[in-house]
């Protein structure tokens, strides 16, 4: 018994020492690991602080430049100014007259429009055609005063357009751009943008405008009808549908003057043909200015102006220009065959 106990004591003592040594080692390592975690955390915060500081130094110059440019826009005085009140008593007519009109985008730039003169009587259709960059859109943009003519004058119902207030001029004009603009909301809310200030649009009037613009069918096919949602930019409608909705919005205003700035470009030929004939019949009292690339769109116009580098190189009816104007002939024969043109005549 004594021998057994004598042998066991060293074993127990050795085990105890081993356990104590292991505990001490583990404790030291845990402390070391904890210290490393804390150090890494603090180091990361310091590094992130320096990274944020560097980012600020990089972004700050750009932000200052952007702020300066925004302030330049906000403080810029518009070059086109309107009278507060028109005090014009003339009866609504929709007659437009350009008298030797020229236009430069800036004082030192070349003329975009040079010495253009024409007259559109009430209910007439005047069309503009020419190559890209010939000044067609710029010309019609002078009517709602997106720009002011550099030389000459533009008269509306015999009165210079500069004599009209902003609201009075806008109420006389329905403008449809090439790129149709639709806003987030519903079909009804987009159509209400067409109000001219005279009266609120009823659903019946909206449907009439949609029918005239050949847009009623695809809106009726929608489950919610006029309450159909319109995504931002009208992305849930095709290009042709957006153009027809934009046309309907302008027609709902019942303006004296309709300006179509290549507003039929996304329409197929069948819809284009139907729409033009309906417009001719239903908007006979409205004066229409049409910018187009297609000969077929402007064949029925009362007057066609052919533009080349900002100058009028020919004006007349389709038949007259086809027989005596080389620029018009070149455009016409590049789009339609001789037989098709003769059949249209």
Protein backbone atom coordinates (compact mmCIF):
# COMPACT_ATOMS: atom_id res chain seq x y z
CA UNK A 1 0.00 0.00 0.00
CA UNK A 2 2.80 2.35 0.84
CA UNK A 3 4.55 1.58 -2.42
CA UNK A 4 1.40 2.22 -4.46
CA UNK A 5 0.81 5.59 -2.81
CA UNK A 6 4.43 6.48 -3.21
CA UNK A 7 4.27 5.81 -6.92
CA UNK A 8 0.91 7.63 -7.42
CA UNK A 9 2.01 10.93 -5.86
CA UNK A 10 4.47 11.84 -8.59
CA UNK A 11 1.87 10.99 -11.23
CA UNK A 12 -0.78 13.23 -9.67
CA UNK A 13 1.72 15.99 -9.15
CA UNK A 14 2.89 15.80 -12.80
CA UNK A 15 -0.68 15.86 -14.11
CA UNK A 16 -1.52 18.89 -11.99
CA UNK A 17 1.52 20.73 -13.21
CA UNK A 18 0.59 19.92 -16.82
CA UNK A 19 -2.98 21.16 -16.34
CA UNK A 20 -1.80 24.35 -14.70
CA UNK A 21 0.77 24.92 -17.42
CA UNK A 22 -1.83 24.33 -20.15
CA UNK A 23 -4.27 26.68 -18.45
CA UNK A 24 -1.61 29.37 -18.22
CA UNK A 25 -0.68 28.95 -21.88
CA UNK A 26 -4.32 29.04 -23.04
CA UNK A 27 -5.00 32.12 -20.92
CA UNK A 28 -2.02 33.89 -22.45
CA UNK A 29 -3.13 32.96 -25.97
CA UNK A 30 -6.72 34.08 -25.35
CA UNK A 31 -5.45 37.41 -24.11
CA UNK A 32 -3.19 37.69 -27.14
CA UNK A 33 -6.06 36.83 -29.53
CA UNK A 34 -8.36 39.35 -27.83
CA UNK A 35 -5.71 42.00 -28.10
CA UNK A 36 -5.23 41.22 -31.81
CA UNK A 37 -8.99 41.52 -32.47
CA UNK A 38 -9.18 44.84 -30.66
CA UNK A 39 -6.09 46.12 -32.44
CA UNK A 40 -7.45 45.05 -35.85
CA UNK A 41 -10.76 46.76 -35.12
CA UNK A 42 -9.10 50.03 -34.15
CA UNK A 43 -6.70 49.81 -37.08
CA UNK A 44 -9.62 49.26 -39.50
CA UNK A 45 -11.42 52.31 -38.13
CA UNK A 46 -8.30 54.41 -38.56
CA UNK A 47 -7.78 53.13 -42.13
CA UNK A 48 -11.46 53.75 -42.99
CA UNK A 49 -11.13 57.27 -41.65
CA UNK A 50 -8.17 57.94 -43.92
CA UNK A 51 -10.03 56.39 -46.88
CA UNK A 52 -13.04 58.63 -46.25
CA UNK A 53 -10.74 61.63 -46.03
CA UNK A 54 -9.14 60.73 -49.37
CA UNK A 55 -12.59 60.25 -50.92
CA UNK A 56 -13.65 63.69 -49.69
CA UNK A 57 -10.56 65.28 -51.21
CA UNK A 58 -11.34 63.54 -54.53
CA UNK A 59 -15.07 64.37 -54.55
CA UNK A 60 -14.84 67.92 -53.20
CA UNK A 61 -13.43 69.55 -56.39
CA UNK A 62 -16.08 67.83 -58.50
CA UNK A 63 -18.83 68.90 -56.09
CA UNK A 64 -17.61 72.49 -56.16
CA UNK A 65 -17.58 72.53 -59.98
CA UNK A 66 -21.08 70.99 -60.10
CA UNK A 67 -22.39 73.51 -57.57
CA UNK A 68 -20.90 76.38 -59.57
CA UNK A 69 -22.55 75.12 -62.77
CA UNK A 70 -25.91 74.71 -61.04
CA UNK A 71 -25.67 78.25 -59.68
CA UNK A 72 -24.86 79.53 -63.17
CA UNK A 73 -28.10 77.98 -64.43
CA UNK A 74 -30.15 79.28 -61.49
CA UNK A 75 -28.83 82.82 -61.84
CA UNK A 76 -29.00 82.89 -65.64
CA UNK A 77 -31.44 85.48 -66.93
CA UNK A 78 -33.64 84.09 -69.75
CA UNK A 79 -33.10 85.71 -73.13
CA UNK A 80 -36.75 85.18 -74.05
CA UNK A 81 -39.01 87.39 -71.95
CA UNK A 82 -42.79 87.63 -72.02
CA UNK A 83 -45.19 90.40 -71.19
CA UNK A 84 -47.26 89.90 -68.05
CA UNK A 85 -50.51 90.73 -69.84
CA UNK A 86 -51.28 90.74 -73.54
CA UNK A 87 -54.24 93.15 -73.66
CA UNK A 88 -54.94 91.76 -77.13
CA UNK A 89 -58.56 91.88 -78.23
CA UNK A 90 -58.24 90.18 -81.63
CA UNK A 91 -60.60 87.31 -82.36
CA UNK A 92 -59.06 83.81 -82.45
CA UNK A 93 -57.88 83.01 -85.95
CA UNK A 94 -54.65 81.02 -85.95
CA UNK A 95 -53.06 82.94 -88.81
CA UNK A 96 -49.23 82.83 -88.85
CA UNK A 97 -46.90 84.98 -90.91
CA UNK A 98 -43.09 84.85 -91.09
CA UNK A 99 -41.58 88.05 -92.44
CA UNK A 100 -37.93 87.74 -93.53
CA UNK A 101 -37.02 85.69 -90.45
CA UNK A 102 -33.41 84.74 -89.68
CA UNK A 103 -32.02 83.03 -86.60
CA UNK A 104 -28.58 82.48 -85.02
CA UNK A 105 -28.05 80.39 -81.89
CA UNK A 106 -25.37 82.87 -80.82
CA UNK A 107 -23.97 86.14 -82.12
CA UNK A 108 -20.85 84.55 -83.57
CA UNK A 109 -22.49 81.43 -85.02
CA UNK A 110 -23.68 80.96 -88.58
CA UNK A 111 -27.33 81.52 -89.40
CA UNK A 112 -29.47 78.43 -88.90
CA UNK A 113 -32.46 80.09 -90.58
CA UNK A 114 -32.01 82.71 -93.30
CA UNK A 115 -34.65 85.12 -94.64
CA UNK A 116 -37.66 82.82 -94.41
CA UNK A 117 -41.02 84.29 -95.38
CA UNK A 118 -44.39 82.56 -95.67
CA UNK A 119 -47.97 82.94 -94.54
CA UNK A 120 -50.34 80.30 -93.17
CA UNK A 121 -53.97 81.34 -93.17
CA UNK A 122 -56.51 79.98 -90.72
CA UNK A 123 -57.08 76.25 -91.25
CA UNK A 124 -54.24 75.81 -93.72
CA UNK A 125 -51.56 73.12 -93.48
CA UNK A 126 -47.98 74.23 -94.05
CA UNK A 127 -45.29 71.53 -94.19
CA UNK A 128 -41.51 71.69 -93.97
CA UNK A 129 -39.16 69.13 -95.47
CA UNK A 130 -35.44 68.91 -96.05
CA UNK A 131 -32.32 67.01 -95.12
CA UNK A 132 -31.21 66.53 -91.52
CA UNK A 133 -29.88 69.79 -90.09
CA UNK A 134 -31.63 72.00 -92.62
CA UNK A 135 -33.40 74.00 -89.87
CA UNK A 136 -36.91 72.56 -89.97
CA UNK A 137 -37.37 72.02 -86.22
CA UNK A 138 -35.63 75.29 -85.36
CA UNK A 139 -38.04 77.13 -87.65
CA UNK A 140 -41.22 75.83 -86.01
CA UNK A 141 -39.69 76.25 -82.52
CA UNK A 142 -39.68 80.00 -83.13
CA UNK A 143 -43.50 80.06 -83.05
CA UNK A 144 -43.95 79.08 -79.36
CA UNK A 145 -40.87 81.23 -78.63
CA UNK A 146 -38.50 78.51 -77.53
CA UNK A 147 -36.12 80.93 -79.24
CA UNK A 148 -36.59 84.45 -80.57
CA UNK A 149 -35.88 85.31 -84.18
CA UNK A 150 -32.63 87.21 -84.64
CA UNK A 151 -33.99 89.17 -87.59
CA UNK A 152 -37.44 89.71 -89.05
CA UNK A 153 -40.75 89.17 -87.29
CA UNK A 154 -43.33 86.47 -86.68
CA UNK A 155 -46.95 87.54 -86.46
CA UNK A 156 -49.86 85.64 -85.01
CA UNK A 157 -53.25 86.95 -86.06
CA UNK A 158 -51.50 90.06 -87.35
CA UNK A 159 -49.78 90.80 -84.03
CA UNK A 160 -46.10 90.22 -83.25
CA UNK A 161 -45.76 87.13 -81.05
CA UNK A 162 -43.61 89.17 -78.63
CA UNK A 163 -46.74 91.12 -77.70
CA UNK A 164 -48.42 88.01 -76.26
CA UNK A 165 -48.12 86.92 -72.65
CA UNK A 166 -46.75 83.45 -71.96
CA UNK A 167 -50.15 81.97 -71.10
CA UNK A 168 -51.97 83.58 -74.01
CA UNK A 169 -49.39 82.33 -76.50
CA UNK A 170 -49.35 78.83 -75.01
CA UNK A 171 -53.13 78.59 -75.10
CA UNK A 172 -53.11 79.27 -78.83
CA UNK A 173 -50.59 76.53 -79.63
CA UNK A 174 -50.57 72.74 -79.39
CA UNK A 175 -47.00 71.46 -79.76
CA UNK A 176 -46.08 67.80 -80.38
CA UNK A 177 -42.32 67.07 -80.37
CA UNK A 178 -40.67 64.21 -82.24
CA UNK A 179 -39.73 62.52 -78.97
CA UNK A 180 -43.05 62.16 -77.18
CA UNK A 181 -42.85 63.03 -73.49
CA UNK A 182 -45.09 61.13 -71.08
CA UNK A 183 -45.01 61.54 -67.31
CA UNK A 184 -45.34 59.01 -64.50
CA UNK A 185 -48.98 58.68 -63.51
CA UNK A 186 -52.00 57.58 -65.51
CA UNK A 187 -53.27 58.16 -69.03
CA UNK A 188 -55.82 60.59 -67.59
CA UNK A 189 -53.23 62.62 -65.66
CA UNK A 190 -51.06 62.86 -68.78
CA UNK A 191 -54.01 64.02 -70.86
CA UNK A 192 -54.93 66.66 -68.27
CA UNK A 193 -51.58 68.30 -69.00
CA UNK A 194 -53.29 69.33 -72.23
CA UNK A 195 -55.64 71.72 -70.42
CA UNK A 196 -55.48 75.21 -71.85
CA UNK A 197 -56.78 77.05 -68.80
CA UNK A 198 -60.19 77.64 -70.32
CA UNK A 199 -61.92 74.61 -68.81
CA UNK A 200 -61.17 71.27 -67.18
CA UNK A 201 -61.07 68.26 -69.45
CA UNK A 202 -63.89 65.77 -68.98
CA UNK A 203 -63.47 62.04 -69.64
CA UNK A 204 -65.65 62.44 -72.72
CA UNK A 205 -63.33 65.10 -74.15
CA UNK A 206 -60.30 62.93 -73.38
CA UNK A 207 -61.82 59.96 -75.21
CA UNK A 208 -62.67 62.18 -78.18
CA UNK A 209 -59.06 63.36 -78.38
CA UNK A 210 -57.78 59.78 -78.08
CA UNK A 211 -60.12 58.65 -80.85
CA UNK A 212 -58.99 61.47 -83.11
CA UNK A 213 -55.33 60.57 -82.49
CA UNK A 214 -55.99 56.87 -83.21
CA UNK A 215 -55.14 56.01 -79.60
CA UNK A 216 -58.59 55.07 -78.31
CA UNK A 217 -58.40 51.43 -79.38
CA UNK A 218 -55.29 50.42 -77.44
CA UNK A 219 -56.33 52.42 -74.35
CA UNK A 220 -59.78 50.78 -74.33
CA UNK A 221 -58.04 47.40 -74.52
CA UNK A 222 -56.35 48.15 -71.19
CA UNK A 223 -58.19 46.86 -68.13
CA UNK A 224 -58.11 50.23 -66.32
CA UNK A 225 -58.81 52.42 -69.36
CA UNK A 226 -57.94 56.05 -68.60
CA UNK A 227 -56.57 54.96 -65.22
CA UNK A 228 -53.93 52.78 -66.88
CA UNK A 229 -50.58 53.46 -65.26
CA UNK A 230 -47.91 55.23 -67.29
CA UNK A 231 -44.34 54.36 -66.33
CA UNK A 232 -41.61 56.97 -66.20
CA UNK A 233 -41.02 58.26 -69.72
CA UNK A 234 -43.91 56.11 -70.96
CA UNK A 235 -41.65 53.06 -71.12
CA UNK A 236 -44.64 50.71 -70.97
CA UNK A 237 -45.90 52.03 -74.32
CA UNK A 238 -44.38 51.63 -77.77
CA UNK A 239 -42.92 54.56 -79.69
CA UNK A 240 -45.97 54.85 -81.93
CA UNK A 241 -48.36 54.67 -78.97
CA UNK A 242 -46.46 57.41 -77.14
CA UNK A 243 -46.62 59.66 -80.20
CA UNK A 244 -50.37 59.12 -80.54
CA UNK A 245 -50.91 59.90 -76.85
CA UNK A 246 -48.85 63.09 -77.23
CA UNK A 247 -50.92 64.06 -80.28
CA UNK A 248 -54.14 63.38 -78.34
CA UNK A 249 -52.91 65.54 -75.46
CA UNK A 250 -52.32 68.46 -77.83
CA UNK A 251 -55.66 67.98 -79.58
CA UNK A 252 -57.48 68.02 -76.24
CA UNK A 253 -56.44 71.66 -75.85
CA UNK A 254 -58.42 72.67 -78.96
CA UNK A 255 -55.64 75.07 -79.94
CA UNK A 256 -55.76 77.43 -82.89
CA UNK A 257 -52.37 76.19 -84.12
CA UNK A 258 -51.00 72.65 -84.14
CA UNK A 259 -47.24 72.13 -84.52
CA UNK A 260 -46.12 68.61 -85.44
CA UNK A 261 -42.33 68.42 -85.14
CA UNK A 262 -41.80 65.13 -87.00
CA UNK A 263 -44.48 63.66 -84.75
CA UNK A 264 -45.48 60.87 -87.16
CA UNK A 265 -42.03 59.29 -87.49
CA UNK A 266 -42.78 56.30 -85.21
CA UNK A 267 -46.15 55.52 -86.82
CA UNK A 268 -46.59 52.79 -89.38
CA UNK A 269 -47.71 53.91 -92.83
CA UNK A 270 -51.30 52.71 -92.35
CA UNK A 271 -51.79 54.57 -89.06
CA UNK A 272 -50.01 57.62 -90.50
CA UNK A 273 -52.37 57.64 -93.49
CA UNK A 274 -55.53 57.25 -91.38
CA UNK A 275 -54.43 59.87 -88.84
CA UNK A 276 -53.62 62.47 -91.49
CA UNK A 277 -57.00 62.10 -93.16
CA UNK A 278 -58.86 62.27 -89.84
CA UNK A 279 -56.90 65.37 -88.82
CA UNK A 280 -57.66 67.02 -92.14
CA UNK A 281 -61.37 66.42 -91.63
CA UNK A 282 -61.75 67.05 -87.89
CA UNK A 283 -59.27 69.91 -87.42
CA UNK A 284 -60.15 71.95 -90.49
CA UNK A 285 -60.36 75.15 -88.42
CA UNK A 286 -56.89 74.69 -86.92
CA UNK A 287 -53.73 75.93 -88.63
CA UNK A 288 -51.19 73.12 -88.86
CA UNK A 289 -47.39 73.31 -89.18
CA UNK A 290 -45.84 69.93 -89.98
CA UNK A 291 -42.16 68.99 -89.96
CA UNK A 292 -41.66 65.65 -91.68
CA UNK A 293 -39.14 63.35 -93.29
CA UNK A 294 -41.71 61.31 -95.21
CA UNK A 295 -43.10 62.68 -98.45
CA UNK A 296 -46.30 60.72 -97.87
CA UNK A 297 -46.95 62.68 -94.66
CA UNK A 298 -47.00 66.09 -96.34
CA UNK A 299 -48.46 65.39 -99.79
CA UNK A 300 -51.83 66.90 -98.89
CA UNK A 301 -50.39 70.11 -97.39
CA UNK A 302 -51.64 73.42 -98.77
CA UNK A 303 -48.06 74.73 -98.85
CA UNK A 304 -44.74 72.88 -98.63
CA UNK A 305 -41.46 74.66 -97.88
CA UNK A 306 -38.28 72.87 -98.94
CA UNK A 307 -35.34 73.82 -96.71
CA UNK A 308 -31.66 73.39 -97.44
CA UNK A 309 -29.02 74.70 -95.01
CA UNK A 310 -31.52 77.07 -93.43
CA UNK A 311 -32.74 78.58 -96.69
CA UNK A 312 -36.02 78.07 -98.49
CA UNK A 313 -35.09 76.57 -101.85
CA UNK A 314 -38.64 75.93 -102.95
CA UNK A 315 -42.25 76.33 -101.91
CA UNK A 316 -45.54 75.25 -103.36
CA UNK A 317 -47.83 72.25 -103.43
CA UNK A 318 -46.61 68.67 -103.76
CA UNK A 319 -47.51 68.58 -107.44
CA UNK A 320 -45.77 71.88 -108.18
CA UNK A 321 -42.57 70.97 -106.34
CA UNK A 322 -42.43 67.52 -107.88
CA UNK A 323 -42.38 69.08 -111.32
CA UNK A 324 -39.93 71.95 -110.80
CA UNK A 325 -37.81 71.52 -107.63
CA UNK A 326 -34.70 69.33 -107.76
CA UNK A 327 -34.24 69.01 -103.99
CA UNK A 328 -37.86 67.93 -103.52
CA UNK A 329 -37.62 65.53 -106.45
CA UNK A 330 -34.52 63.92 -104.96
CA UNK A 331 -36.27 63.39 -101.62
CA UNK A 332 -39.48 62.15 -103.23
CA UNK A 333 -37.91 59.62 -105.59
CA UNK A 334 -35.66 58.27 -102.84
CA UNK A 335 -38.76 57.29 -100.85
CA UNK A 336 -41.45 56.44 -103.39
CA UNK A 337 -41.51 55.12 -106.91
CA UNK A 338 -42.67 57.26 -109.81
CA UNK A 339 -45.86 55.21 -110.08
CA UNK A 340 -46.67 55.70 -106.38
CA UNK A 341 -46.12 59.44 -106.65
CA UNK A 342 -48.31 59.67 -109.74
CA UNK A 343 -51.06 57.66 -108.04
CA UNK A 344 -50.95 60.01 -105.06
CA UNK A 345 -51.37 62.92 -107.42
